[in-house]
Protein backbone atom coordinates (compact mmCIF):
# COMPACT_ATOMS: atom_id res chain seq x y z
CA UNK A 1 0.19 -0.07 0.18
CA UNK A 2 1.23 3.48 -0.92
CA UNK A 3 0.04 5.78 1.88
CA UNK A 4 0.91 8.86 0.71
CA UNK A 5 -1.69 10.59 2.09
CA UNK A 6 -0.38 9.62 5.96
CA UNK A 7 3.02 11.10 5.05
CA UNK A 8 1.82 14.39 4.21
CA UNK A 9 -0.41 14.45 7.65
CA UNK A 10 2.66 13.77 9.61
CA UNK A 11 5.63 15.71 8.01
CA UNK A 12 4.24 19.09 8.65
CA UNK A 13 6.65 21.04 6.63
CA UNK A 14 6.81 24.51 8.08
CA UNK A 15 8.53 27.08 5.62
CA UNK A 16 11.66 29.36 6.85
CA UNK A 17 12.08 32.89 6.40
CA UNK A 18 15.15 34.06 4.36
CA UNK A 19 17.85 35.73 6.12
CA UNK A 20 19.25 38.54 3.85
CA UNK A 21 21.51 41.18 4.24
CA UNK A 22 19.94 44.57 5.26
CA UNK A 23 17.93 46.13 2.33
CA UNK A 24 18.69 49.32 0.91
CA UNK A 25 15.25 50.51 0.53
CA UNK A 26 13.15 53.37 1.85
CA UNK A 27 12.29 53.70 5.06
CA UNK A 28 8.40 53.21 4.22
CA UNK A 29 9.35 49.79 2.44
CA UNK A 30 11.04 48.58 5.34
CA UNK A 31 8.03 49.75 7.73
CA UNK A 32 5.77 47.82 5.79
CA UNK A 33 8.36 44.83 5.67
CA UNK A 34 8.60 44.90 9.45
CA UNK A 35 4.46 45.20 9.55
CA UNK A 36 4.24 42.29 7.69
CA UNK A 37 6.44 40.21 9.59
CA UNK A 38 4.54 40.93 12.83
CA UNK A 39 1.24 40.04 11.19
CA UNK A 40 2.77 36.81 10.29
CA UNK A 41 3.98 36.47 13.78
CA UNK A 42 0.72 36.25 15.06
CA UNK A 43 -0.78 34.10 12.55
CA UNK A 44 -2.30 37.03 10.42
CA UNK A 45 -1.00 36.10 7.00
CA UNK A 46 -3.53 37.94 5.10
CA UNK A 47 -2.87 41.56 6.46
CA UNK A 48 0.79 40.58 6.56
CA UNK A 49 0.76 39.75 2.59
CA UNK A 50 -0.80 43.25 2.30
CA UNK A 51 1.95 44.80 3.97
CA UNK A 52 4.50 42.86 1.68
CA UNK A 53 2.88 43.79 -1.42
CA UNK A 54 2.79 47.63 -0.05
CA UNK A 55 6.68 47.07 0.45
CA UNK A 56 7.28 45.71 -3.12
CA UNK A 57 5.37 48.83 -4.18
CA UNK A 58 8.17 50.80 -2.74
CA UNK A 59 10.89 48.80 -3.44
CA UNK A 60 10.32 46.17 -6.15
CA UNK A 61 13.77 44.47 -5.72
CA UNK A 62 13.48 43.69 -1.99
CA UNK A 63 14.30 40.31 -1.96
CA UNK A 64 13.11 40.09 2.20
CA UNK A 65 9.76 41.43 0.95
CA UNK A 66 9.42 38.56 -1.90
CA UNK A 67 10.46 35.62 0.06
CA UNK A 68 8.19 36.65 3.39
CA UNK A 69 5.26 37.53 0.74
CA UNK A 70 6.04 34.35 -0.77
CA UNK A 71 5.99 32.07 2.51
CA UNK A 72 2.71 34.07 3.48
CA UNK A 73 1.28 33.05 0.65
CA UNK A 74 2.33 29.41 0.88
CA UNK A 75 0.61 29.43 4.15
CA UNK A 76 -2.84 30.45 2.96
CA UNK A 77 -2.39 27.69 -0.16
CA UNK A 78 -1.58 29.91 -2.58
CA UNK A 79 1.24 28.00 -3.98
CA UNK A 80 1.82 29.31 -7.75
CA UNK A 81 1.86 32.76 -6.50
CA UNK A 82 4.15 31.63 -3.51
CA UNK A 83 6.50 30.05 -6.03
CA UNK A 84 6.80 32.95 -8.30
CA UNK A 85 7.73 35.28 -5.10
CA UNK A 86 10.32 32.78 -4.35
CA UNK A 87 11.69 32.75 -7.75
CA UNK A 88 12.26 36.38 -7.49
CA UNK A 89 13.70 36.41 -4.26
CA UNK A 90 16.27 33.63 -5.46
CA UNK A 91 17.03 35.95 -8.70
CA UNK A 92 18.10 39.17 -6.29
CA UNK A 93 19.71 36.63 -3.95
CA UNK A 94 20.80 33.42 -5.32
CA UNK A 95 22.68 31.93 -2.42
CA UNK A 96 19.74 32.25 0.22
CA UNK A 97 18.97 28.70 1.12
CA UNK A 98 16.27 29.47 3.35
CA UNK A 99 14.28 30.97 0.16
CA UNK A 100 15.35 27.91 -1.68
CA UNK A 101 14.04 25.60 1.01
CA UNK A 102 10.53 27.72 1.10
CA UNK A 103 10.58 27.12 -2.88
CA UNK A 104 11.09 23.23 -2.64
CA UNK A 105 8.20 22.99 0.04
CA UNK A 106 5.93 24.99 -1.90
CA UNK A 107 6.87 22.65 -4.86
CA UNK A 108 5.86 19.65 -2.73
CA UNK A 109 2.81 20.61 -1.46
CA UNK A 110 1.83 21.53 -5.19
CA UNK A 111 3.10 17.87 -6.13
CA UNK A 112 5.26 19.64 -8.70
CA UNK A 113 7.71 16.59 -7.93
CA UNK A 114 10.13 17.47 -10.83
CA UNK A 115 10.88 20.82 -9.56
CA UNK A 116 10.40 19.99 -6.05
CA UNK A 117 13.51 17.37 -6.31
CA UNK A 118 15.60 19.50 -8.68
CA UNK A 119 15.46 22.28 -5.67
CA UNK A 120 15.80 19.70 -2.89
CA UNK A 121 18.97 18.38 -4.70
CA UNK A 122 20.49 21.82 -4.86
CA UNK A 123 19.83 21.98 -1.42
CA UNK A 124 21.47 19.01 -0.17
CA UNK A 125 24.40 19.23 -2.50
CA UNK A 126 25.28 23.01 -0.70
CA UNK A 127 24.52 21.61 2.45
CA UNK A 128 24.97 17.70 2.86
CA UNK A 129 24.62 17.84 6.66
CA UNK A 130 21.08 19.93 6.47
CA UNK A 131 18.35 17.29 7.95
CA UNK A 132 15.34 19.37 7.27
CA UNK A 133 16.54 19.35 3.54
CA UNK A 134 17.60 15.88 3.30
CA UNK A 135 14.32 14.77 4.97
CA UNK A 136 12.20 16.96 2.54
CA UNK A 137 14.23 15.97 -0.37
CA UNK A 138 13.35 12.12 1.14
CA UNK A 139 9.90 13.17 0.96
CA UNK A 140 10.10 14.04 -2.54
CA UNK A 141 11.55 11.01 -3.30
CA UNK A 142 8.78 8.95 -1.59
CA UNK A 143 6.24 10.50 -3.58
CA UNK A 144 8.10 9.74 -6.85
CA UNK A 145 8.45 5.78 -5.83
CA UNK A 146 12.30 6.00 -5.21
CA UNK A 147 12.12 4.67 -1.73
CA UNK A 148 15.54 3.23 -1.85
CA UNK A 149 16.94 6.45 -2.96
CA UNK A 150 15.08 8.05 0.34
CA UNK A 151 16.94 5.20 2.70
CA UNK A 152 20.35 5.69 0.82
CA UNK A 153 20.36 9.48 1.51
CA UNK A 154 18.88 9.44 5.20
CA UNK A 155 20.15 6.48 6.56
CA UNK A 156 23.92 8.08 7.24
CA UNK A 157 22.27 10.53 8.77
CA UNK A 158 20.25 8.94 11.44
CA UNK A 159 23.05 8.05 14.04
CA UNK A 160 23.10 11.02 16.93
CA UNK A 161 19.87 11.92 15.63
CA UNK A 162 17.34 9.29 16.47
CA UNK A 163 15.23 12.17 18.17
CA UNK A 164 14.64 13.85 15.08
CA UNK A 165 10.85 12.60 14.47
CA UNK A 166 10.63 13.70 10.81
CA UNK A 167 13.49 12.08 9.91
CA UNK A 168 12.90 8.66 11.53
CA UNK A 169 9.27 9.30 10.01
CA UNK A 170 10.40 9.66 6.19
CA UNK A 171 13.17 6.75 7.11
CA UNK A 172 10.73 4.40 8.90
CA UNK A 173 7.99 5.16 5.99
CA UNK A 174 10.66 4.13 3.04
CA UNK A 175 11.79 0.98 4.76
CA UNK A 176 8.41 -0.20 4.94
CA UNK A 177 7.40 0.60 1.26
CA UNK A 178 10.85 -1.17 0.48
CA UNK A 179 9.12 -4.41 2.54
CA UNK A 180 11.75 -3.97 5.32
CA UNK A 181 8.95 -3.84 8.05
CA UNK A 182 11.45 -5.26 10.77
CA UNK A 183 13.12 -1.70 10.76
CA UNK A 184 10.72 0.68 9.29
CA UNK A 185 7.87 -0.31 11.89
CA UNK A 186 9.85 0.28 15.38
CA UNK A 187 10.82 3.75 13.66
CA UNK A 188 7.17 4.48 13.08
CA UNK A 189 6.02 3.35 16.16
CA UNK A 190 8.81 5.54 17.83
CA UNK A 191 7.10 8.57 15.90
CA UNK A 192 3.68 7.40 16.96
CA UNK A 193 4.37 7.31 20.35
CA UNK A 194 6.58 10.41 20.34
CA UNK A 195 4.37 12.76 18.56
CA UNK A 196 0.85 10.87 19.53
CA UNK A 197 0.63 10.37 15.78
CA UNK A 198 -2.37 8.87 14.41
CA UNK A 199 -1.23 8.84 10.89
CA UNK A 200 1.89 7.03 11.85
CA UNK A 201 0.33 4.33 13.82
CA UNK A 202 -1.96 3.80 10.85
CA UNK A 203 1.49 3.50 8.50
CA UNK A 204 2.84 0.66 11.62
CA UNK A 205 -0.51 -0.75 12.17
CA UNK A 206 -1.26 -1.15 8.34
CA UNK A 207 2.26 -2.89 7.61
CA UNK A 208 1.74 -5.40 10.48
CA UNK A 209 -2.08 -6.07 9.14
CA UNK A 210 -0.59 -7.03 5.81
CA UNK A 211 1.76 -9.02 7.36
CA UNK A 212 -0.38 -11.08 9.49
CA UNK A 213 0.59 -9.62 12.61
CA UNK A 214 -2.46 -9.08 14.18
CA UNK A 215 -1.48 -8.43 17.75
CA UNK A 216 0.74 -5.37 16.84
CA UNK A 217 -1.29 -4.35 14.29
CA UNK A 218 -4.51 -4.04 16.47
CA UNK A 219 -2.34 -2.21 19.24
CA UNK A 220 -1.00 0.18 16.62
CA UNK A 221 -4.57 0.43 14.78
CA UNK A 222 -6.39 0.91 18.38
CA UNK A 223 -3.77 3.78 19.45
CA UNK A 224 -4.82 5.34 16.30
CA UNK A 225 -8.59 4.85 16.83
CA UNK A 226 -8.19 6.75 20.13
CA UNK A 227 -6.29 9.58 18.78
CA UNK A 228 -8.31 10.08 15.54
CA UNK A 229 -11.04 7.78 14.44
CA UNK A 230 -11.78 9.98 11.08
CA UNK A 231 -8.79 8.92 9.10
CA UNK A 232 -10.27 7.27 5.96
CA UNK A 233 -9.68 3.66 5.75
CA UNK A 234 -8.86 3.28 9.53
CA UNK A 235 -11.71 2.23 11.45
CA UNK A 236 -11.76 -0.69 8.54
CA UNK A 237 -8.43 -1.71 9.44
CA UNK A 238 -9.25 -1.70 12.87
CA UNK A 239 -12.11 -4.03 12.61
CA UNK A 240 -9.98 -6.75 10.51
CA UNK A 241 -7.37 -7.08 13.02
CA UNK A 242 -10.03 -7.48 15.51
CA UNK A 243 -11.85 -9.91 13.72
CA UNK A 244 -8.91 -11.76 13.20
CA UNK A 245 -8.12 -11.95 16.65
CA UNK A 246 -12.06 -13.18 17.10
CA UNK A 247 -12.98 -10.35 19.20
CA UNK A 248 -16.33 -9.78 17.32
CA UNK A 249 -17.76 -7.31 19.79
CA UNK A 250 -14.91 -5.03 19.32
CA UNK A 251 -14.87 -5.82 15.23
CA UNK A 252 -18.53 -4.96 14.95
CA UNK A 253 -17.88 -1.74 16.88
CA UNK A 254 -15.12 -0.65 14.28
CA UNK A 255 -17.04 -1.72 11.08
CA UNK A 256 -19.97 0.17 12.42
CA UNK A 257 -17.80 3.14 12.72
CA UNK A 258 -16.68 2.62 9.28
CA UNK A 259 -19.68 2.43 7.72
CA UNK A 260 -20.92 5.62 9.36
CA UNK A 261 -18.09 7.65 7.88
CA UNK A 262 -18.81 5.73 4.17
CA UNK A 263 -21.57 3.35 4.11
CA UNK A 264 -20.19 2.25 0.52
CA UNK A 265 -17.01 0.78 1.99
CA UNK A 266 -17.25 -3.02 0.36
CA UNK A 267 -14.71 -4.34 3.22
CA UNK A 268 -16.76 -3.18 6.13
CA UNK A 269 -19.87 -4.25 4.44
CA UNK A 270 -18.23 -7.62 4.09
CA UNK A 271 -16.82 -7.91 7.25
CA UNK A 272 -19.86 -6.97 9.23
CA UNK A 273 -22.20 -9.09 6.90
CA UNK A 274 -20.04 -11.96 7.82
CA UNK A 275 -20.14 -11.44 11.44
CA UNK A 276 -23.84 -11.20 11.22
CA UNK A 277 -23.91 -14.23 9.23
CA UNK A 278 -21.84 -16.03 12.36
CA UNK A 279 -24.10 -14.59 14.79
CA UNK A 280 -27.32 -16.12 12.93
CA UNK A 281 -28.53 -12.44 12.19
CA UNK A 282 -29.70 -13.39 8.47
CA UNK A 283 -31.88 -10.31 8.06
CA UNK A 284 -29.23 -8.09 8.53
CA UNK A 285 -26.34 -10.10 7.06
CA UNK A 286 -28.09 -10.39 3.66
CA UNK A 287 -28.25 -6.48 2.88
CA UNK A 288 -24.50 -6.20 3.80
CA UNK A 289 -23.42 -8.88 1.82
CA UNK A 290 -25.77 -7.54 -1.33
CA UNK A 291 -23.88 -4.39 -0.98
CA UNK A 292 -20.42 -6.00 -0.95
CA UNK A 293 -21.04 -8.15 -3.89
CA UNK A 294 -22.62 -5.12 -5.41
CA UNK A 295 -19.42 -3.36 -4.93
CA UNK A 296 -17.10 -6.03 -5.63
CA UNK A 297 -18.72 -8.58 -7.71
CA UNK A 298 -16.23 -10.86 -8.19
CA UNK A 299 -14.42 -10.92 -4.84
CA UNK A 300 -14.35 -14.70 -3.90
CA UNK A 301 -14.58 -13.93 0.19
CA UNK A 302 -17.83 -12.14 -0.66
CA UNK A 303 -19.38 -14.76 -3.01
CA UNK A 304 -18.44 -17.48 -0.45
CA UNK A 305 -20.18 -15.70 2.60
CA UNK A 306 -23.42 -14.93 0.34
CA UNK A 307 -23.46 -18.75 -0.77
CA UNK A 308 -22.75 -19.69 3.33
CA UNK A 309 -26.00 -17.17 3.79
CA UNK A 310 -27.78 -18.96 0.76
CA UNK A 311 -27.23 -22.15 2.25
CA UNK A 312 -28.65 -21.47 5.82
CA UNK A 313 -31.57 -19.79 4.57
CA UNK A 314 -32.76 -22.66 2.51
CA UNK A 315 -31.53 -21.28 -0.95
CA UNK A 316 -29.78 -24.07 -1.84
CA UNK A 317 -29.80 -23.72 -5.54
CA UNK A 318 -28.30 -20.28 -5.56
CA UNK A 319 -25.79 -21.53 -3.02
CA UNK A 320 -24.64 -24.32 -5.06
CA UNK A 321 -24.31 -22.38 -8.31
CA UNK A 322 -22.12 -19.93 -6.47
CA UNK A 323 -19.93 -22.70 -4.83
CA UNK A 324 -19.48 -24.37 -8.11
CA UNK A 325 -18.38 -21.00 -9.59
CA UNK A 326 -15.46 -20.68 -6.79
CA UNK A 327 -14.10 -24.32 -6.74
CA UNK A 328 -13.86 -24.22 -10.34
CA UNK A 329 -12.12 -20.85 -10.28
CA UNK A 330 -10.09 -21.96 -7.04
CA UNK A 331 -9.69 -25.75 -7.17
CA UNK A 332 -7.71 -25.78 -4.04
CA UNK A 333 -9.92 -23.91 -1.70
CA UNK A 334 -10.66 -26.39 0.89
CA UNK A 335 -13.49 -24.39 2.79
CA UNK A 336 -15.48 -23.97 -0.92
CA UNK A 337 -15.37 -27.53 -1.34
CA UNK A 338 -16.89 -28.43 2.18
CA UNK A 339 -19.30 -26.21 1.67
CA UNK A 340 -20.10 -27.56 -1.58
CA UNK A 341 -20.42 -30.81 -0.01
CA UNK A 342 -22.84 -29.93 2.73
CA UNK A 343 -25.08 -27.84 -0.44
CA UNK A 344 -25.26 -31.10 -2.16
CA UNK A 345 -25.95 -33.46 0.56
CA UNK A 346 -29.28 -30.99 0.95
CA UNK A 347 -30.06 -31.00 -2.73
CA UNK A 348 -30.11 -34.74 -2.11
CA UNK A 349 -27.35 -35.15 -4.10
CA UNK A 350 -24.94 -37.65 -2.16
CA UNK A 351 -22.49 -38.50 -4.70
CA UNK A 352 -21.75 -35.23 -5.74
CA UNK A 353 -21.53 -34.80 -1.84
CA UNK A 354 -18.84 -37.61 -0.99
CA UNK A 355 -16.97 -36.48 -4.08
CA UNK A 356 -16.52 -33.00 -2.89
CA UNK A 357 -15.88 -33.88 0.68
CA UNK A 358 -13.08 -36.34 -0.46
CA UNK A 359 -11.56 -33.47 -2.22
CA UNK A 360 -11.68 -31.32 0.71
CA UNK A 361 -9.97 -34.51 2.77
CA UNK A 362 -6.85 -34.62 0.08
CA UNK A 363 -6.17 -30.87 -0.09
CA UNK A 364 -6.42 -30.82 4.06
CA UNK A 365 -3.82 -33.47 4.28
CA UNK A 366 -1.84 -32.33 1.61
CA UNK A 367 -1.63 -28.76 3.40
CA UNK A 368 -0.56 -30.79 6.71
CA UNK A 369 2.26 -32.66 4.81
CA UNK A 370 3.19 -29.58 3.13
CA UNK A 371 3.52 -27.61 6.58
CA UNK A 372 5.19 -30.55 8.05
CA UNK A 373 7.85 -30.57 5.67
CA UNK A 374 8.58 -26.59 6.16
CA UNK A 375 8.52 -26.99 9.89
CA UNK A 376 11.48 -30.13 9.84
CA UNK A 377 14.90 -28.94 10.74
């Protein structure tokens, strides 16, 4: 899974004000610049923008005003104008790395990865030990699908900086994306604990869930739920981890949260439908499973659960048709053969039932033999 959404939440890059030489500018321009900076410091970016524009009207070549205006524009999401101001500042003062950091960050937020990479690599070349620049460049590499480069970039910088949570997040995320979960998940969990970060818990928990490590997955996903249950997809994953651990009540609650947020969530519909079916609540199971199938008509698990529901509610012909398709498509699916054997018995087809039961027994024996061979030293 490429959870870029969680990366953007957790990093929260902040633009950096440029430090330049004292401007040779009219006193009025300097006063407007100071007023703008004061407004910025109080979080009033719109007033700051007005003051910086007035300063530039009086002194168009004031690099500090261009840089500060770019920062304020970026803060209110006007990234194209922010980039233009940063470029003008750099044209006047090309050696100002803080302005280039602002520019690279604006490109990153705009998802202009080619320019973000160009500016990030220029920053890293000029200051190889600058952690903030390296973290930004690593984040660009991640969004470009070049996680190995992010790992190569950040690993040498980690020693002595293990408490830098931005670095640990980007490095941990990259390692997880490369399948190096044993290295990546502990870093991500460290970030989650240090920052009380729901998104970091989600990244770690999703990785553990994907790899079948349900105890750790549940712990991380439950922690994320306690911090921010509104993260898209989180409640569904938390429900899956709880379901795998046979905690049906907690699983049901999580899936209900997921469906309140997104009634068309196919996984939540399927798994909550399966829980209702297992509990014997056939009336409420059916609409959930029907919607899951409507959303993903060819999903084998959804078809299997519907076949089970049809069987227990006496719709044996429908159940048989579905199960016959499933064993044809997936002939080694033991549970499908068992279910089909039971349905054939109900349809008074004993020979077909015996055949399916024998197939299921043979498949199970082969699986047990393979497991023994695998565990033999």
